[in-house]
Protein backbone atom coordinates (compact mmCIF):
# COMPACT_ATOMS: atom_id res chain seq x y z
CA MET A 1 -20.31 19.90 -10.69
CA SER A 2 -17.89 16.71 -11.03
CA GLU A 3 -15.59 15.94 -13.82
CA ARG A 4 -16.44 12.42 -13.81
CA GLN A 5 -17.28 11.61 -17.54
CA TYR A 6 -18.53 8.00 -17.12
CA ILE A 7 -20.97 7.25 -14.89
CA VAL A 8 -22.68 3.28 -14.07
CA VAL A 9 -25.87 2.80 -12.08
CA GLU A 10 -26.18 -0.24 -10.92
CA GLY A 11 -28.30 -2.63 -8.60
CA VAL A 12 -30.34 -5.74 -8.61
CA ILE A 13 -33.47 -6.65 -11.19
CA GLY A 14 -36.49 -3.95 -10.84
CA VAL A 15 -34.48 -1.26 -8.40
CA GLY A 16 -34.82 1.25 -10.83
CA LYS A 17 -31.64 1.56 -12.85
CA THR A 18 -32.76 2.55 -16.18
CA THR A 19 -35.12 5.45 -15.01
CA LEU A 20 -32.52 7.05 -13.05
CA VAL A 21 -29.86 7.06 -16.28
CA GLU A 22 -33.06 8.66 -18.25
CA LYS A 23 -33.80 11.07 -15.47
CA MET A 24 -30.02 12.21 -14.97
CA CYS A 25 -29.56 12.35 -18.47
CA ASN A 26 -31.91 14.77 -18.77
CA ARG A 27 -30.59 16.84 -16.21
CA LEU A 28 -27.13 16.70 -17.71
CA ASN A 29 -25.98 18.75 -20.61
CA ASN A 30 -24.59 16.98 -23.67
CA ALA A 31 -24.83 13.38 -21.95
CA GLN A 32 -25.38 9.74 -23.92
CA PRO A 33 -27.13 7.05 -22.21
CA VAL A 34 -26.01 3.62 -22.61
CA VAL A 35 -29.28 1.27 -21.84
CA GLU A 36 -29.18 -2.69 -21.74
CA LYS A 37 -31.75 -4.32 -24.37
CA HIS A 38 -32.97 -6.96 -22.11
CA ASP A 39 -35.67 -7.79 -24.33
CA ALA A 40 -33.00 -8.52 -27.12
CA ASN A 41 -32.06 -11.70 -25.09
CA PRO A 42 -33.79 -14.61 -26.86
CA PHE A 43 -33.30 -17.25 -24.04
CA LEU A 44 -35.01 -14.82 -21.29
CA ALA A 45 -38.39 -15.86 -20.87
CA ASP A 46 -37.06 -19.21 -21.30
CA PHE A 47 -34.71 -18.85 -18.33
CA TYR A 48 -37.35 -18.13 -16.23
CA ARG A 49 -39.31 -20.82 -16.87
CA ASP A 50 -36.60 -23.03 -16.99
CA PRO A 51 -33.64 -21.45 -15.04
CA ARG A 52 -31.53 -24.50 -14.60
CA ARG A 53 -31.81 -25.22 -18.53
CA TYR A 54 -31.17 -22.35 -20.10
CA ALA A 55 -28.86 -20.17 -17.65
CA PHE A 56 -25.86 -20.93 -19.57
CA GLN A 57 -27.10 -19.44 -22.78
CA THR A 58 -28.93 -16.53 -21.20
CA GLU A 59 -25.61 -15.81 -19.71
CA LEU A 60 -23.54 -16.08 -22.85
CA PHE A 61 -25.57 -14.09 -24.28
CA PHE A 62 -25.76 -11.27 -22.10
CA LEU A 63 -22.01 -11.23 -21.72
CA LEU A 64 -21.47 -10.66 -25.42
CA ASN A 65 -24.23 -8.34 -26.20
CA ARG A 66 -23.13 -6.04 -23.19
CA TYR A 67 -19.35 -6.50 -25.09
CA ARG A 68 -20.51 -5.25 -28.24
CA GLN A 69 -22.54 -2.60 -26.71
CA GLN A 70 -20.26 -1.55 -24.29
CA VAL A 71 -17.05 -1.47 -27.34
CA ASP A 72 -19.50 0.05 -29.82
CA GLU A 73 -21.22 2.93 -27.77
CA LEU A 74 -18.89 3.97 -25.14
CA ARG A 75 -16.27 4.54 -27.74
CA GLN A 76 -18.75 6.33 -29.82
CA ALA A 77 -19.73 8.48 -26.95
CA ASP A 78 -16.71 9.26 -25.88
CA LEU A 79 -16.09 11.33 -28.37
CA PHE A 80 -19.23 13.37 -28.50
CA ALA A 81 -20.99 13.14 -25.23
CA ARG A 82 -19.36 15.39 -22.00
CA HIS A 83 -20.92 12.61 -19.53
CA ILE A 84 -21.82 8.89 -20.21
CA VAL A 85 -24.37 7.22 -17.79
CA ALA A 86 -25.03 3.69 -18.30
CA ASP A 87 -27.55 1.18 -16.49
CA TYR A 88 -25.00 -1.45 -15.72
CA LEU A 89 -21.61 -2.30 -15.25
CA PHE A 90 -20.02 -5.14 -17.28
CA SER A 91 -18.98 -7.21 -14.35
CA LYS A 92 -22.64 -7.80 -13.21
CA SER A 93 -22.35 -10.23 -15.80
CA ARG A 94 -20.41 -12.15 -13.23
CA ILE A 95 -22.33 -11.21 -10.74
CA PHE A 96 -25.63 -13.77 -12.53
CA ALA A 97 -23.32 -16.07 -13.40
CA SER A 98 -22.34 -16.87 -9.60
CA ILE A 99 -26.07 -18.12 -8.51
CA THR A 100 -27.40 -19.31 -11.65
CA LEU A 101 -24.60 -21.61 -13.44
CA GLU A 102 -22.99 -24.53 -11.85
CA GLU A 103 -19.02 -24.87 -11.01
CA ARG A 104 -17.79 -26.32 -14.79
CA GLU A 105 -20.23 -23.91 -16.41
CA GLN A 106 -18.87 -20.65 -13.88
CA THR A 107 -15.37 -21.41 -14.68
CA LEU A 108 -15.52 -21.26 -18.66
CA PHE A 109 -17.87 -18.23 -18.46
CA ASN A 110 -15.73 -16.39 -16.05
CA THR A 111 -12.14 -17.30 -18.64
CA VAL A 112 -14.46 -15.49 -21.69
CA ALA A 113 -15.56 -12.60 -19.60
CA GLY A 114 -12.10 -12.24 -18.19
CA LEU A 115 -10.85 -12.07 -21.80
CA LEU A 116 -13.52 -9.59 -22.80
CA GLU A 117 -13.34 -7.27 -19.87
CA ARG A 118 -9.78 -6.12 -21.08
CA ASP A 119 -11.45 -3.88 -23.68
CA ILE A 120 -13.81 -2.33 -21.23
CA PRO A 121 -13.01 1.18 -19.45
CA PRO A 122 -13.69 0.76 -15.95
CA PRO A 123 -16.31 4.21 -14.86
CA ASP A 124 -15.41 7.20 -13.17
CA LEU A 125 -18.44 6.28 -10.66
CA VAL A 126 -20.62 3.25 -9.52
CA VAL A 127 -23.76 4.40 -8.01
CA PHE A 128 -25.32 1.08 -6.52
CA LEU A 129 -28.72 1.27 -5.77
CA GLN A 130 -29.57 -0.72 -2.88
CA SER A 131 -33.05 -2.38 -1.90
CA ASN A 132 -34.53 -5.25 -0.22
CA THR A 133 -36.50 -7.94 -1.76
CA GLN A 134 -39.99 -6.94 -0.79
CA ARG A 135 -39.35 -3.34 -2.30
CA LEU A 136 -37.63 -5.04 -5.40
CA MET A 137 -40.81 -7.57 -6.00
CA ARG A 138 -42.96 -4.71 -5.63
CA ASN A 139 -41.75 -2.73 -8.30
CA ILE A 140 -41.43 -5.74 -10.65
CA ARG A 141 -44.88 -6.44 -10.06
CA VAL A 142 -45.99 -2.76 -10.71
CA ARG A 143 -43.81 -2.62 -14.20
CA ASP A 144 -45.42 -6.07 -15.12
CA ARG A 145 -43.20 -7.12 -17.91
CA ASP A 146 -44.40 -10.55 -19.51
CA TYR A 147 -41.10 -12.56 -18.60
CA GLU A 148 -41.01 -11.02 -15.00
CA ARG A 149 -44.27 -12.09 -14.03
CA SER A 150 -43.19 -15.57 -12.71
CA MET A 151 -40.00 -14.30 -10.92
CA ASN A 152 -39.44 -16.26 -7.93
CA PRO A 153 -38.23 -14.34 -4.71
CA ASP A 154 -35.93 -16.74 -3.66
CA TYR A 155 -33.97 -15.62 -7.20
CA ILE A 156 -34.15 -12.00 -6.36
CA GLU A 157 -32.84 -12.50 -2.72
CA ALA A 158 -29.95 -14.27 -3.87
CA LEU A 159 -29.21 -11.15 -6.16
CA VAL A 160 -29.39 -8.99 -3.57
CA GLU A 161 -27.05 -11.21 -1.57
CA ALA A 162 -24.49 -11.57 -4.37
CA TYR A 163 -24.67 -7.99 -5.38
CA ASN A 164 -24.10 -6.87 -1.83
CA HIS A 165 -21.09 -9.13 -1.71
CA HIS A 166 -19.94 -7.74 -5.12
CA PHE A 167 -19.76 -4.15 -4.03
CA PHE A 168 -18.30 -5.02 -0.57
CA ARG A 169 -15.05 -6.03 -2.31
CA TYR A 170 -15.48 -4.08 -5.36
CA LYS A 171 -12.11 -1.19 -6.00
CA ALA A 172 -12.35 -0.76 -9.83
CA SER A 173 -13.71 2.86 -9.30
CA ASP A 174 -15.35 5.14 -7.23
CA LEU A 175 -18.68 4.18 -5.41
CA LEU A 176 -21.93 5.66 -4.18
CA ILE A 177 -24.13 2.99 -2.61
CA VAL A 178 -27.32 4.48 -2.09
CA ASN A 179 -30.33 3.00 0.08
CA ALA A 180 -32.93 2.90 -2.37
CA THR A 181 -35.45 0.83 -0.13
CA ALA A 182 -37.83 4.01 0.62
CA LEU A 183 -36.06 6.06 -1.85
CA ASP A 184 -39.06 7.83 -4.77
CA PHE A 185 -36.77 9.44 -7.22
CA VAL A 186 -39.61 9.33 -9.97
CA GLY A 187 -42.65 10.38 -7.70
CA ASN A 188 -40.94 12.91 -5.42
CA PRO A 189 -38.71 15.94 -7.38
CA ASP A 190 -36.78 16.65 -4.45
CA GLN A 191 -35.51 13.14 -3.21
CA PHE A 192 -34.24 13.24 -7.16
CA ASN A 193 -32.72 16.29 -6.59
CA ASP A 194 -30.82 15.29 -3.41
CA LEU A 195 -30.07 12.06 -5.02
CA PHE A 196 -28.64 13.96 -7.99
CA ALA A 197 -26.80 16.30 -6.20
CA HIS A 198 -24.75 13.49 -4.06
CA ILE A 199 -23.97 11.35 -7.26
CA MET A 200 -22.44 14.45 -8.97
CA ASN A 201 -20.69 15.22 -5.83
CA ALA A 202 -19.67 12.00 -4.55
CA PRO A 203 -16.26 12.25 -3.05
CA GLU A 204 -13.30 9.64 -4.04
CA GLY A 205 -13.30 6.25 -2.72
CA VAL A 206 -16.92 4.45 -0.97
CA SER A 207 -19.34 6.91 -0.15
CA TYR A 208 -22.98 6.25 1.46
CA TYR A 209 -26.28 8.08 0.61
CA ASN A 210 -29.30 7.35 3.04
CA PRO A 211 -32.11 9.61 2.34
CA ALA A 212 -34.04 8.34 5.19
CA THR A 213 -31.98 9.53 7.63
CA GLU A 214 -30.79 12.89 5.91
CA GLU A 215 -32.10 16.40 6.87
């Protein structure tokens, strides 16, 4: 079993981050989940209706809320939990800002984010669930959140590209890239067991897990 204490699961909207975190915490002994509260953002529904008008408010709220949650919950969990498993990486705020904000807004946003990042510890391992737009849109439709019903596939496609670009250059911690396009860790216990084993025993540096090609 890996000695890594702090694990982050990341990926584009609809890929199954929170579900995987919950299943991992159920499997691990004395694990603390850190789950983002999307519904707490009062600008999110407005953003999906009018992205240009509400992008900066939406991203700034997420940034500050993520900062407060990570500073408070990670500090507390570090005292009591053997494992911490989060469904977002703090730097995801920069990923979203890169496609939703105009240049001047990005400059201001990244300045604030840079100051806050100094207080956020890096994870020991990031699990990047990588999927295509078609699968993500199908997952989004199935979970049927009110504010996501008007989700634009072009927005999801832009996020897919931005996430891939971000993790292509990511060096802050060990990274496991998972091909999640055909992965069903909810309905297929064997796939979850295999994925869980790969996560907990991921090697140092960058590694890959492709369930479609493994025996």
